[in-house]
Amino acid sequence: MKVMTSILLLKSSFTLVSEADILVGEYFLSAGDKEEHLIEYTLTLNQNKTFHFHSYRNHKKGIPREENKYGQGNWSLDGKIVSFTTDKKTDLDEKFT
């Protein structure tokens, strides 16, 4: 009986790990080159269902040459679709626009 209970508890603990836990982490994309035009995106998905986003652009001939944009909010997973939401009152300020 103890063995059966142990196996049942072990099996149920494995099912507690969801697909959302697999998505948690930092994602990075870089395009262009440092000499002419560089674009970098960083997306961090946190375990508490919040996210942070950073967009960096460096265009040597652009006005302005460098640009940083930030975002934050909540994310959710519905099947294979990840959705991002932002609350204007709590997630937006001078830095996070």
C-alpha atoms as a PDB file:
ATOM      1  CA  MET A   1       0.000   0.000   0.000  1.00  0.00           C
ATOM      2  CA  LYS A   2       2.868   2.395   0.837  1.00  0.00           C
ATOM      3  CA  VAL A   3       4.476   1.717  -2.534  1.00  0.00           C
ATOM      4  CA  MET A   4       1.200   2.396  -4.354  1.00  0.00           C
ATOM      5  CA  THR A   5       0.717   5.676  -2.439  1.00  0.00           C
ATOM      6  CA  SER A   6       4.294   6.750  -3.188  1.00  0.00           C
ATOM      7  CA  ILE A   7       3.877   6.039  -6.903  1.00  0.00           C
ATOM      8  CA  LEU A   8       0.592   7.951  -6.985  1.00  0.00           C
ATOM      9  CA  LEU A   9       2.131  10.988  -5.243  1.00  0.00           C
ATOM     10  CA  LEU A  10       5.165  10.933  -7.535  1.00  0.00           C
ATOM     11  CA  LYS A  11       2.987  10.735 -10.640  1.00  0.00           C
ATOM     12  CA  SER A  12       0.762  13.612  -9.503  1.00  0.00           C
ATOM     13  CA  SER A  13       3.792  15.817  -8.772  1.00  0.00           C
ATOM     14  CA  PHE A  14       5.033  15.370 -12.350  1.00  0.00           C
ATOM     15  CA  THR A  15       1.694  16.531 -13.734  1.00  0.00           C
ATOM     16  CA  LEU A  16       1.908  19.755 -11.705  1.00  0.00           C
ATOM     17  CA  VAL A  17       4.638  21.038 -14.023  1.00  0.00           C
ATOM     18  CA  SER A  18       2.681  22.864 -16.692  1.00  0.00           C
ATOM     19  CA  GLU A  19       3.523  24.091 -20.174  1.00  0.00           C
ATOM     20  CA  ALA A  20       3.631  27.627 -18.807  1.00  0.00           C
ATOM     21  CA  ASP A  21       6.624  26.704 -16.635  1.00  0.00           C
ATOM     22  CA  ILE A  22       8.489  25.612 -19.756  1.00  0.00           C
ATOM     23  CA  LEU A  23       7.993  29.077 -21.316  1.00  0.00           C
ATOM     24  CA  VAL A  24       9.518  30.965 -18.388  1.00  0.00           C
ATOM     25  CA  GLY A  25      12.863  32.537 -19.271  1.00  0.00           C
ATOM     26  CA  GLU A  26      14.580  35.193 -21.359  1.00  0.00           C
ATOM     27  CA  TYR A  27      14.232  35.448 -25.140  1.00  0.00           C
ATOM     28  CA  PHE A  28      16.619  37.538 -27.253  1.00  0.00           C
ATOM     29  CA  LEU A  29      16.643  38.536 -30.935  1.00  0.00           C
ATOM     30  CA  SER A  30      19.293  40.626 -32.666  1.00  0.00           C
ATOM     31  CA  ALA A  31      19.243  41.901 -36.249  1.00  0.00           C
ATOM     32  CA  GLY A  32      21.599  44.048 -38.272  1.00  0.00           C
ATOM     33  CA  ASP A  33      25.167  44.916 -37.408  1.00  0.00           C
ATOM     34  CA  LYS A  34      26.894  47.286 -35.002  1.00  0.00           C
ATOM     35  CA  GLU A  35      28.460  49.404 -37.767  1.00  0.00           C
ATOM     36  CA  GLU A  36      25.240  50.486 -39.529  1.00  0.00           C
ATOM     37  CA  HIS A  37      21.960  49.571 -37.893  1.00  0.00           C
ATOM     38  CA  LEU A  38      21.479  47.319 -34.864  1.00  0.00           C
ATOM     39  CA  ILE A  39      18.126  46.196 -33.462  1.00  0.00           C
ATOM     40  CA  GLU A  40      17.836  44.057 -30.340  1.00  0.00           C
ATOM     41  CA  TYR A  41      14.742  42.723 -28.587  1.00  0.00           C
ATOM     42  CA  THR A  42      14.694  41.120 -25.139  1.00  0.00           C
ATOM     43  CA  LEU A  43      11.572  39.491 -23.680  1.00  0.00           C
ATOM     44  CA  THR A  44      11.595  38.056 -20.164  1.00  0.00           C
ATOM     45  CA  LEU A  45       8.725  35.809 -19.058  1.00  0.00           C
ATOM     46  CA  ASN A  46       8.616  35.458 -15.287  1.00  0.00           C
ATOM     47  CA  GLN A  47       7.155  32.557 -13.329  1.00  0.00           C
ATOM     48  CA  ASN A  48       4.597  34.854 -11.658  1.00  0.00           C
ATOM     49  CA  LYS A  49       3.024  35.469 -15.126  1.00  0.00           C
ATOM     50  CA  THR A  50       4.577  38.935 -15.591  1.00  0.00           C
ATOM     51  CA  PHE A  51       6.810  40.005 -18.475  1.00  0.00           C
ATOM     52  CA  HIS A  52       9.389  42.672 -19.253  1.00  0.00           C
ATOM     53  CA  PHE A  53      10.225  43.792 -22.787  1.00  0.00           C
ATOM     54  CA  HIS A  54      13.163  45.877 -24.012  1.00  0.00           C
ATOM     55  CA  SER A  55      13.680  47.130 -27.558  1.00  0.00           C
ATOM     56  CA  TYR A  56      17.017  48.717 -28.470  1.00  0.00           C
ATOM     57  CA  ARG A  57      17.730  50.410 -31.788  1.00  0.00           C
ATOM     58  CA  ASN A  58      21.025  51.978 -32.861  1.00  0.00           C
ATOM     59  CA  HIS A  59      20.915  53.552 -36.312  1.00  0.00           C
ATOM     60  CA  LYS A  60      24.175  55.376 -37.069  1.00  0.00           C
ATOM     61  CA  LYS A  61      22.509  57.725 -39.589  1.00  0.00           C
ATOM     62  CA  GLY A  62      19.173  58.035 -37.793  1.00  0.00           C
ATOM     63  CA  ILE A  63      17.659  60.741 -35.662  1.00  0.00           C
ATOM     64  CA  PRO A  64      17.848  59.832 -32.829  1.00  0.00           C
ATOM     65  CA  ARG A  65      20.802  57.513 -33.227  1.00  0.00           C
ATOM     66  CA  GLU A  66      19.894  55.377 -30.227  1.00  0.00           C
ATOM     67  CA  GLU A  67      16.449  54.438 -28.997  1.00  0.00           C
ATOM     68  CA  ASN A  68      15.318  52.329 -26.035  1.00  0.00           C
ATOM     69  CA  LYS A  69      11.721  51.259 -25.469  1.00  0.00           C
ATOM     70  CA  TYR A  70      10.442  49.275 -22.503  1.00  0.00           C
ATOM     71  CA  GLY A  71       7.239  47.400 -21.741  1.00  0.00           C
ATOM     72  CA  GLN A  72       5.837  45.314 -18.926  1.00  0.00           C
ATOM     73  CA  GLY A  73       2.632  43.570 -18.000  1.00  0.00           C
ATOM     74  CA  ASN A  74       1.132  40.111 -17.637  1.00  0.00           C
ATOM     75  CA  TRP A  75       1.214  37.085 -19.906  1.00  0.00           C
ATOM     76  CA  SER A  76      -1.043  34.079 -20.189  1.00  0.00           C
ATOM     77  CA  LEU A  77      -1.040  30.804 -22.084  1.00  0.00           C
ATOM     78  CA  ASP A  78      -4.153  29.459 -23.801  1.00  0.00           C
ATOM     79  CA  GLY A  79      -3.307  26.243 -25.623  1.00  0.00           C
ATOM     80  CA  LYS A  80      -0.392  27.212 -27.868  1.00  0.00           C
ATOM     81  CA  ILE A  81      -1.130  30.961 -27.844  1.00  0.00           C
ATOM     82  CA  VAL A  82       0.754  33.323 -25.542  1.00  0.00           C
ATOM     83  CA  SER A  83      -1.116  36.574 -24.855  1.00  0.00           C
ATOM     84  CA  PHE A  84       0.306  39.779 -23.408  1.00  0.00           C
ATOM     85  CA  THR A  85      -1.717  42.399 -21.518  1.00  0.00           C
ATOM     86  CA  THR A  86      -0.814  45.715 -19.941  1.00  0.00           C
ATOM     87  CA  ASP A  87      -2.759  47.654 -17.333  1.00  0.00           C
ATOM     88  CA  LYS A  88      -2.461  51.398 -17.979  1.00  0.00           C
ATOM     89  CA  LYS A  89      -2.719  52.240 -14.281  1.00  0.00           C
ATOM     90  CA  THR A  90      -0.153  49.810 -12.853  1.00  0.00           C
ATOM     91  CA  ASP A  91       2.194  48.850 -15.723  1.00  0.00           C
ATOM     92  CA  LEU A  92       2.822  52.146 -17.534  1.00  0.00           C
ATOM     93  CA  ASP A  93       4.998  55.006 -16.320  1.00  0.00           C
ATOM     94  CA  GLU A  94       7.806  57.223 -17.660  1.00  0.00           C
ATOM     95  CA  LYS A  95      10.081  54.264 -18.413  1.00  0.00           C
ATOM     96  CA  PHE A  96       7.538  51.621 -19.416  1.00  0.00           C
ATOM     97  CA  THR A  97       5.473  53.133 -22.252  1.00  0.00           C
END
